[in-house]
């Protein structure tokens, strides 16, 4: 299992966190998605077939690009 904490400047509220969680949770291999709107951070855990690149691509696609 791989783990990454992402800083996402576009997060402004709990709704943003929920939207990101919904989108990433639909990806095959993603097992955990947690977020904090105050720190603008998301914690993601995954296994194959998900990859760091595919998660970053999905964040970009939904207008929440990670730094």
N, C-alpha and C. Protein backbone atom coordinates (compact mmCIF):
# COMPACT_ATOMS: atom_id res chain seq x y z
N UNK A 1 0.84 -1.18 0.00
CA UNK A 1 0.00 0.00 0.00
C UNK A 1 0.88 1.24 0.00
N UNK A 2 0.48 2.21 -0.79
CA UNK A 2 1.20 3.47 -0.83
C UNK A 2 0.36 4.55 -0.16
N UNK A 3 1.04 5.55 0.37
CA UNK A 3 0.39 6.64 1.10
C UNK A 3 1.00 7.96 0.68
N UNK A 4 0.15 8.98 0.55
CA UNK A 4 0.65 10.31 0.20
C UNK A 4 -0.25 11.36 0.84
N UNK A 5 0.37 12.41 1.35
CA UNK A 5 -0.37 13.58 1.80
C UNK A 5 -0.23 14.65 0.73
N UNK A 6 -1.34 15.19 0.28
CA UNK A 6 -1.37 16.19 -0.77
C UNK A 6 -1.78 17.54 -0.18
N UNK A 7 -1.11 18.60 -0.57
CA UNK A 7 -1.55 19.96 -0.26
C UNK A 7 -2.30 20.47 -1.48
N UNK A 8 -3.55 20.91 -1.24
CA UNK A 8 -4.41 21.33 -2.34
C UNK A 8 -4.94 22.73 -2.03
N UNK A 9 -4.32 23.76 -2.59
CA UNK A 9 -4.67 25.15 -2.27
C UNK A 9 -6.13 25.51 -2.54
N UNK A 10 -6.80 24.83 -3.49
CA UNK A 10 -8.18 25.17 -3.84
C UNK A 10 -9.20 24.74 -2.80
N UNK A 11 -8.79 23.97 -1.79
CA UNK A 11 -9.75 23.55 -0.76
C UNK A 11 -10.11 24.77 0.08
N UNK A 12 -11.42 25.01 0.20
CA UNK A 12 -11.86 26.15 1.01
C UNK A 12 -12.88 25.76 2.08
N UNK A 13 -13.41 24.52 2.00
CA UNK A 13 -14.44 24.13 2.98
C UNK A 13 -14.60 22.62 3.00
N UNK A 14 -15.47 22.16 3.87
CA UNK A 14 -15.73 20.74 3.98
C UNK A 14 -16.35 20.16 2.72
N UNK A 15 -17.10 20.98 1.98
CA UNK A 15 -17.69 20.50 0.72
C UNK A 15 -16.59 20.15 -0.28
N UNK A 16 -15.54 20.94 -0.33
CA UNK A 16 -14.41 20.64 -1.22
C UNK A 16 -13.79 19.29 -0.85
N UNK A 17 -13.58 19.08 0.44
CA UNK A 17 -13.01 17.81 0.90
C UNK A 17 -13.92 16.66 0.50
N UNK A 18 -15.23 16.82 0.69
CA UNK A 18 -16.18 15.76 0.34
C UNK A 18 -16.17 15.48 -1.17
N UNK A 19 -16.07 16.52 -1.98
CA UNK A 19 -16.04 16.34 -3.43
C UNK A 19 -14.79 15.56 -3.84
N UNK A 20 -13.66 15.91 -3.27
CA UNK A 20 -12.41 15.21 -3.58
C UNK A 20 -12.50 13.76 -3.11
N UNK A 21 -13.01 13.56 -1.91
CA UNK A 21 -13.15 12.21 -1.36
C UNK A 21 -14.03 11.35 -2.26
N UNK A 22 -15.16 11.89 -2.71
CA UNK A 22 -16.06 11.15 -3.59
C UNK A 22 -15.36 10.74 -4.88
N UNK A 23 -14.67 11.68 -5.50
CA UNK A 23 -14.01 11.40 -6.78
C UNK A 23 -12.87 10.39 -6.63
N UNK A 24 -12.01 10.58 -5.64
CA UNK A 24 -10.87 9.68 -5.49
C UNK A 24 -11.31 8.29 -5.03
N UNK A 25 -12.35 8.23 -4.20
CA UNK A 25 -12.83 6.93 -3.70
C UNK A 25 -13.38 6.05 -4.81
N UNK A 26 -13.80 6.65 -5.92
CA UNK A 26 -14.32 5.88 -7.06
C UNK A 26 -13.20 5.24 -7.88
N UNK A 27 -11.96 5.64 -7.64
CA UNK A 27 -10.85 5.08 -8.41
C UNK A 27 -10.52 3.68 -7.89
N UNK A 28 -10.29 2.74 -8.82
CA UNK A 28 -9.88 1.39 -8.44
C UNK A 28 -8.55 1.44 -7.71
N UNK A 29 -8.49 0.80 -6.56
CA UNK A 29 -7.26 0.72 -5.78
C UNK A 29 -7.17 1.72 -4.65
N UNK A 30 -7.94 2.81 -4.70
CA UNK A 30 -7.90 3.81 -3.63
C UNK A 30 -8.73 3.29 -2.46
N UNK A 31 -8.10 3.20 -1.29
CA UNK A 31 -8.78 2.62 -0.13
C UNK A 31 -9.14 3.65 0.94
N UNK A 32 -8.35 4.71 1.07
CA UNK A 32 -8.60 5.72 2.11
C UNK A 32 -8.40 7.11 1.54
N UNK A 33 -9.36 7.99 1.81
CA UNK A 33 -9.23 9.39 1.44
C UNK A 33 -9.77 10.20 2.62
N UNK A 34 -8.90 11.00 3.23
CA UNK A 34 -9.29 11.84 4.35
C UNK A 34 -8.77 13.24 4.09
N UNK A 35 -9.50 14.25 4.57
CA UNK A 35 -9.06 15.61 4.31
C UNK A 35 -9.33 16.55 5.45
N UNK A 36 -8.64 17.68 5.41
CA UNK A 36 -8.79 18.72 6.41
C UNK A 36 -8.85 20.07 5.68
N UNK A 37 -10.03 20.71 5.70
CA UNK A 37 -10.14 21.99 4.98
C UNK A 37 -9.28 23.10 5.57
N UNK A 38 -9.01 23.05 6.88
CA UNK A 38 -8.20 24.11 7.50
C UNK A 38 -6.74 24.07 7.04
N UNK A 39 -6.20 22.87 6.89
CA UNK A 39 -4.81 22.75 6.46
C UNK A 39 -4.68 22.57 4.95
N UNK A 40 -5.85 22.50 4.25
CA UNK A 40 -5.88 22.31 2.79
C UNK A 40 -5.11 21.06 2.39
N UNK A 41 -5.31 19.99 3.17
CA UNK A 41 -4.56 18.75 2.96
C UNK A 41 -5.49 17.57 2.79
N UNK A 42 -5.04 16.62 1.97
CA UNK A 42 -5.74 15.35 1.77
C UNK A 42 -4.74 14.22 1.97
N UNK A 43 -5.17 13.20 2.68
CA UNK A 43 -4.37 12.00 2.91
C UNK A 43 -5.01 10.87 2.09
N UNK A 44 -4.21 10.21 1.25
CA UNK A 44 -4.73 9.17 0.36
C UNK A 44 -3.87 7.92 0.50
N UNK A 45 -4.54 6.76 0.58
CA UNK A 45 -3.86 5.46 0.59
C UNK A 45 -4.40 4.65 -0.58
N UNK A 46 -3.51 3.93 -1.26
CA UNK A 46 -3.93 3.16 -2.44
C UNK A 46 -3.01 1.99 -2.72
N UNK A 47 -3.53 1.09 -3.53
CA UNK A 47 -2.80 -0.03 -4.10
C UNK A 47 -3.04 0.00 -5.61
N UNK A 48 -2.31 -0.84 -6.35
CA UNK A 48 -2.55 -0.96 -7.79
C UNK A 48 -3.99 -1.39 -8.02
N UNK A 49 -4.63 -0.91 -9.06
CA UNK A 49 -4.06 -0.25 -10.23
C UNK A 49 -3.89 1.26 -10.09
N UNK A 50 -4.31 1.87 -8.97
CA UNK A 50 -4.11 3.31 -8.79
C UNK A 50 -2.61 3.61 -8.67
N UNK A 51 -2.22 4.78 -9.13
CA UNK A 51 -0.83 5.23 -9.03
C UNK A 51 -0.83 6.67 -8.56
N UNK A 52 0.31 7.12 -8.11
CA UNK A 52 0.46 8.52 -7.72
C UNK A 52 0.11 9.42 -8.90
N UNK A 53 0.57 9.07 -10.07
CA UNK A 53 0.29 9.87 -11.27
C UNK A 53 -1.20 9.91 -11.59
N UNK A 54 -1.89 8.77 -11.46
CA UNK A 54 -3.32 8.76 -11.78
C UNK A 54 -4.12 9.56 -10.76
N UNK A 55 -3.69 9.55 -9.51
CA UNK A 55 -4.36 10.35 -8.48
C UNK A 55 -4.14 11.83 -8.74
N UNK A 56 -2.91 12.21 -9.04
CA UNK A 56 -2.62 13.61 -9.37
C UNK A 56 -3.42 14.05 -10.61
N UNK A 57 -3.52 13.17 -11.61
CA UNK A 57 -4.29 13.49 -12.81
C UNK A 57 -5.76 13.71 -12.48
N UNK A 58 -6.32 12.87 -11.61
CA UNK A 58 -7.73 13.01 -11.23
C UNK A 58 -7.93 14.32 -10.48
N UNK A 59 -7.03 14.66 -9.58
CA UNK A 59 -7.14 15.93 -8.85
C UNK A 59 -7.11 17.11 -9.82
N UNK A 60 -6.25 17.06 -10.80
CA UNK A 60 -6.18 18.11 -11.82
C UNK A 60 -7.48 18.18 -12.61
N UNK A 61 -7.99 17.01 -12.98
CA UNK A 61 -9.22 16.93 -13.79
C UNK A 61 -10.42 17.55 -13.07
N UNK A 62 -10.48 17.38 -11.74
CA UNK A 62 -11.63 17.91 -10.99
C UNK A 62 -11.36 19.30 -10.41
N UNK A 63 -10.32 19.95 -10.89
CA UNK A 63 -9.96 21.33 -10.52
C UNK A 63 -9.51 21.49 -9.07
N UNK A 64 -8.88 20.44 -8.54
CA UNK A 64 -8.23 20.53 -7.24
C UNK A 64 -6.79 20.05 -7.38
N UNK A 65 -5.97 20.75 -8.17
CA UNK A 65 -4.60 20.28 -8.39
C UNK A 65 -3.78 20.32 -7.10
N UNK A 66 -2.97 19.28 -6.92
CA UNK A 66 -2.11 19.20 -5.75
C UNK A 66 -0.78 19.88 -6.02
N UNK A 67 -0.21 20.45 -4.97
CA UNK A 67 1.13 21.06 -5.10
C UNK A 67 2.18 20.00 -4.93
